[in-house]
Protein backbone atom coordinates (compact mmCIF):
# COMPACT_ATOMS: atom_id res chain seq x y z
CA MET A 1 -0.43 0.02 0.20
CA GLU A 2 1.64 3.27 -0.96
CA SER A 3 -0.16 6.14 0.21
CA THR A 4 -0.16 7.10 3.48
CA LYS A 5 -3.21 8.46 3.54
CA LYS A 6 -5.05 4.97 2.64
CA GLN A 7 -2.69 3.08 5.24
CA GLN A 8 -3.77 5.36 8.02
CA SER A 9 -7.51 5.24 6.67
CA LEU A 10 -7.05 1.21 6.92
CA LEU A 11 -5.29 1.26 9.83
CA ASN A 12 -8.54 3.64 11.67
CA ARG A 13 -10.93 0.74 10.12
CA PHE A 14 -8.58 -1.69 11.65
CA LYS A 15 -9.15 -0.05 14.77
CA GLN A 16 -12.89 0.82 15.00
CA GLU A 17 -13.60 -3.37 14.27
CA LEU A 18 -11.01 -4.07 16.88
CA ALA A 19 -13.08 -1.88 19.52
CA LYS A 20 -15.66 -4.54 19.46
CA ASP A 21 -13.90 -6.69 20.67
CA LYS A 22 -13.30 -7.78 24.23
CA THR A 23 -10.45 -8.25 23.70
CA ARG A 24 -7.76 -5.22 24.34
CA THR A 25 -5.45 -4.79 21.57
CA GLN A 26 -3.05 -2.27 20.18
CA VAL A 27 -2.34 -1.57 16.92
CA PHE A 28 0.57 0.39 15.40
CA GLU A 29 2.11 1.02 12.16
CA ILE A 30 2.19 -1.10 9.07
CA SER A 31 5.54 -2.06 8.70
CA ARG A 32 7.79 -2.18 5.47
CA LEU A 33 6.30 -5.08 4.85
CA GLY A 34 2.90 -4.32 4.43
CA LEU A 35 1.44 -5.99 7.71
CA VAL A 36 -0.32 -4.35 10.08
CA GLU A 37 1.37 -4.24 13.41
CA MET A 38 -0.48 -5.60 16.61
CA THR A 39 -0.91 -6.81 19.90
CA ARG A 40 -3.38 -9.03 21.23
CA LYS A 41 -4.15 -9.46 25.19
CA ASN A 42 -7.11 -11.05 26.67
CA VAL A 43 -8.76 -9.94 29.88
CA ALA A 44 -11.23 -12.58 30.37
CA ALA A 45 -9.64 -15.82 33.06
CA GLY A 46 -8.81 -18.89 31.41
CA LEU A 47 -10.29 -21.64 31.96
CA VAL A 48 -7.44 -23.67 34.18
CA GLU A 49 -7.86 -20.23 36.96
CA SER A 50 -11.62 -20.38 36.13
CA PHE A 51 -12.56 -23.54 37.67
CA SER A 52 -9.73 -24.56 40.02
CA GLU A 53 -8.49 -22.08 43.14
CA GLU A 54 -5.10 -21.83 44.47
CA CYS A 55 -3.46 -24.21 47.17
CA GLU A 56 -3.44 -23.05 50.96
CA LYS A 57 -0.82 -25.65 51.81
CA CYS A 58 1.71 -25.11 49.25
CA ASN A 59 1.22 -21.24 49.29
CA GLY A 60 -0.85 -21.38 45.62
CA ARG A 61 2.03 -23.07 44.35
CA GLY A 62 -0.47 -26.08 43.10
CA LEU A 63 -4.14 -26.11 42.08
CA ILE A 64 -7.47 -27.50 43.15
CA ILE A 65 -9.32 -28.52 40.57
CA ASN A 66 -13.81 -28.00 41.13
CA ASP A 67 -15.49 -31.34 42.61
CA ILE A 68 -17.29 -30.99 39.34
CA PHE A 69 -14.81 -31.50 37.24
CA ALA A 70 -12.99 -34.33 39.74
CA ASN A 71 -16.18 -36.31 40.10
CA LYS A 72 -16.50 -36.01 35.93
CA SER A 73 -12.88 -37.14 35.60
CA ILE A 74 -13.22 -40.14 38.17
CA GLU A 75 -16.85 -41.45 36.61
CA GLU A 76 -15.10 -41.57 33.27
CA GLY A 77 -12.11 -43.16 34.95
CA LEU A 78 -15.02 -45.88 36.37
CA ILE A 79 -16.29 -46.38 32.59
CA GLU A 80 -13.51 -47.33 31.21
CA SER A 81 -11.92 -49.40 34.01
CA GLU A 82 -15.43 -51.18 33.43
CA ALA A 83 -14.94 -51.91 29.00
CA VAL A 84 -11.45 -53.45 30.44
CA VAL A 85 -13.59 -55.80 32.11
CA GLU A 86 -16.26 -56.49 30.08
């Protein structure tokens, strides 16, 4: 893209569209190679953080998985072991 005016117009439109996304995004300039330089940072908690809590006994180095997922894992293990026995 040769024209600086066109590049700026493209970047402005790109920033407008990205503003609708909940992920925090920083848009920089267009590089010499014609690529838009940008960074993105997810502001929501990840799955591990959402479904676990820090272990108080080890000062937060470990995680305690919530009961609903632990029970599901045990249940799946039992179902698999029953299939092996049959």
